[in-house]
Amino acid sequence: MAKDKRINNLKNIVDQQPTFIAVDLGTANTIVYVSTHGIIFNEPTILAYATKTGEILYVGKKAYKMIGKTHENKFKFTGTDQKNLWRN
């Protein structure tokens, strides 16, 4: 289970009523649009995951802020713009 609470929030929004969802997985940013709420996510297309377990720990801005500030043995980073990431 991801630690990022925004994933659970999206599930709660979708469960409330019939909803149309659009996702733009861009090179720099990922945008999620929900018909009943508008744009609910517009952040860097990157995630941080635990090296040993593979568990996704952070996405978007939180993951981006961790680049260069964590030990390589604990976290790995991945995104659609690999040329800007020195660890993947």
C-alpha atoms as a PDB file:
ATOM      1  CA  MET A   1       0.000   0.000   0.000  1.00  0.00           C
ATOM      2  CA  ALA A   2       1.416   3.355  -0.986  1.00  0.00           C
ATOM      3  CA  LYS A   3       2.105   5.762   1.851  1.00  0.00           C
ATOM      4  CA  ASP A   4       0.914   8.718  -0.224  1.00  0.00           C
ATOM      5  CA  LYS A   5      -2.581   9.579   1.058  1.00  0.00           C
ATOM      6  CA  ARG A   6      -3.548  11.222  -2.252  1.00  0.00           C
ATOM      7  CA  ILE A   7      -4.007   7.780  -3.802  1.00  0.00           C
ATOM      8  CA  ASN A   8      -6.608   6.885  -1.162  1.00  0.00           C
ATOM      9  CA  ASN A   9      -8.250  10.302  -1.618  1.00  0.00           C
ATOM     10  CA  LEU A  10      -8.695   9.606  -5.340  1.00  0.00           C
ATOM     11  CA  LYS A  11     -10.351   6.277  -4.507  1.00  0.00           C
ATOM     12  CA  ASN A  12     -12.771   8.053  -2.146  1.00  0.00           C
ATOM     13  CA  ILE A  13     -13.671  10.638  -4.831  1.00  0.00           C
ATOM     14  CA  VAL A  14     -14.370   7.957  -7.429  1.00  0.00           C
ATOM     15  CA  ASP A  15     -16.445   5.849  -5.005  1.00  0.00           C
ATOM     16  CA  GLN A  16     -18.802   8.761  -4.225  1.00  0.00           C
ATOM     17  CA  GLN A  17     -20.532   9.064  -7.629  1.00  0.00           C
ATOM     18  CA  PRO A  18     -20.200   8.164 -11.330  1.00  0.00           C
ATOM     19  CA  THR A  19     -17.080   9.918 -12.499  1.00  0.00           C
ATOM     20  CA  PHE A  20     -15.021  10.507 -15.642  1.00  0.00           C
ATOM     21  CA  ILE A  21     -11.247  10.464 -15.069  1.00  0.00           C
ATOM     22  CA  ALA A  22      -8.569  11.658 -17.493  1.00  0.00           C
ATOM     23  CA  VAL A  23      -4.844  11.073 -16.904  1.00  0.00           C
ATOM     24  CA  ASP A  24      -2.061  12.850 -18.789  1.00  0.00           C
ATOM     25  CA  LEU A  25       1.256  11.075 -18.202  1.00  0.00           C
ATOM     26  CA  GLY A  26       3.472  13.820 -19.516  1.00  0.00           C
ATOM     27  CA  THR A  27       7.245  13.831 -19.692  1.00  0.00           C
ATOM     28  CA  ALA A  28       7.576  16.527 -17.047  1.00  0.00           C
ATOM     29  CA  ASN A  29       4.247  16.468 -15.169  1.00  0.00           C
ATOM     30  CA  THR A  30       1.358  14.081 -14.608  1.00  0.00           C
ATOM     31  CA  ILE A  31      -2.120  15.601 -14.504  1.00  0.00           C
ATOM     32  CA  VAL A  32      -5.249  13.860 -13.213  1.00  0.00           C
ATOM     33  CA  TYR A  33      -8.640  15.405 -14.027  1.00  0.00           C
ATOM     34  CA  VAL A  34     -11.850  14.186 -12.367  1.00  0.00           C
ATOM     35  CA  SER A  35     -15.111  15.398 -13.892  1.00  0.00           C
ATOM     36  CA  THR A  36     -16.680  16.092 -10.508  1.00  0.00           C
ATOM     37  CA  HIS A  37     -13.645  17.880  -9.011  1.00  0.00           C
ATOM     38  CA  GLY A  38     -11.522  19.297 -11.857  1.00  0.00           C
ATOM     39  CA  ILE A  39      -7.722  18.889 -11.806  1.00  0.00           C
ATOM     40  CA  ILE A  40      -6.821  17.076  -8.594  1.00  0.00           C
ATOM     41  CA  PHE A  41      -3.171  16.206  -9.333  1.00  0.00           C
ATOM     42  CA  ASN A  42      -0.573  18.202 -11.292  1.00  0.00           C
ATOM     43  CA  GLU A  43       2.918  17.202 -10.185  1.00  0.00           C
ATOM     44  CA  PRO A  44       6.264  15.959 -11.525  1.00  0.00           C
ATOM     45  CA  THR A  45       6.143  12.552 -13.209  1.00  0.00           C
ATOM     46  CA  ILE A  46       8.372  10.729 -10.755  1.00  0.00           C
ATOM     47  CA  LEU A  47       8.078   8.192  -7.965  1.00  0.00           C
ATOM     48  CA  ALA A  48      10.362   6.976  -5.189  1.00  0.00           C
ATOM     49  CA  TYR A  49      10.338   3.334  -4.187  1.00  0.00           C
ATOM     50  CA  ALA A  50      12.107   1.223  -1.576  1.00  0.00           C
ATOM     51  CA  THR A  51      15.064  -0.651  -3.064  1.00  0.00           C
ATOM     52  CA  LYS A  52      14.573  -3.815  -1.008  1.00  0.00           C
ATOM     53  CA  THR A  53      10.789  -4.201  -1.173  1.00  0.00           C
ATOM     54  CA  GLY A  54       9.848  -2.295  -4.314  1.00  0.00           C
ATOM     55  CA  GLU A  55       7.103  -0.518  -2.332  1.00  0.00           C
ATOM     56  CA  ILE A  56       6.137   2.860  -3.802  1.00  0.00           C
ATOM     57  CA  LEU A  57       6.692   5.410  -1.053  1.00  0.00           C
ATOM     58  CA  TYR A  58       6.306   8.841  -2.636  1.00  0.00           C
ATOM     59  CA  VAL A  59       5.058  10.315  -5.888  1.00  0.00           C
ATOM     60  CA  GLY A  60       5.219  13.738  -7.511  1.00  0.00           C
ATOM     61  CA  LYS A  61       6.655  16.675  -5.576  1.00  0.00           C
ATOM     62  CA  LYS A  62       7.556  14.602  -2.512  1.00  0.00           C
ATOM     63  CA  ALA A  63       9.574  12.148  -4.610  1.00  0.00           C
ATOM     64  CA  TYR A  64      11.208  14.943  -6.610  1.00  0.00           C
ATOM     65  CA  LYS A  65      12.396  16.689  -3.441  1.00  0.00           C
ATOM     66  CA  MET A  66      14.146  13.483  -2.335  1.00  0.00           C
ATOM     67  CA  ILE A  67      16.479  13.282  -5.350  1.00  0.00           C
ATOM     68  CA  GLY A  68      20.065  13.664  -4.179  1.00  0.00           C
ATOM     69  CA  LYS A  69      19.048  13.743  -0.512  1.00  0.00           C
ATOM     70  CA  THR A  70      18.676  10.016   0.128  1.00  0.00           C
ATOM     71  CA  HIS A  71      20.997   7.043   0.079  1.00  0.00           C
ATOM     72  CA  GLU A  72      20.969   4.961  -3.127  1.00  0.00           C
ATOM     73  CA  ASN A  73      20.636   1.707  -1.182  1.00  0.00           C
ATOM     74  CA  LYS A  74      17.325   2.813   0.376  1.00  0.00           C
ATOM     75  CA  PHE A  75      15.450   4.527  -2.462  1.00  0.00           C
ATOM     76  CA  LYS A  76      15.323   4.411  -6.238  1.00  0.00           C
ATOM     77  CA  PHE A  77      13.653   6.951  -8.488  1.00  0.00           C
ATOM     78  CA  THR A  78      11.907   6.565 -11.799  1.00  0.00           C
ATOM     79  CA  GLY A  79       9.987   8.841 -14.112  1.00  0.00           C
ATOM     80  CA  THR A  80       9.288   9.384 -17.778  1.00  0.00           C
ATOM     81  CA  ASP A  81      12.146  11.889 -18.177  1.00  0.00           C
ATOM     82  CA  GLN A  82      15.057   9.526 -17.418  1.00  0.00           C
ATOM     83  CA  LYS A  83      17.774  11.854 -18.771  1.00  0.00           C
ATOM     84  CA  ASN A  84      17.226  14.178 -15.790  1.00  0.00           C
ATOM     85  CA  LEU A  85      17.534  11.383 -13.218  1.00  0.00           C
ATOM     86  CA  TRP A  86      20.955  10.048 -12.362  1.00  0.00           C
ATOM     87  CA  ARG A  87      19.488   7.102 -10.451  1.00  0.00           C
ATOM     88  CA  ASN A  88      16.769   4.877 -11.882  1.00  0.00           C
END
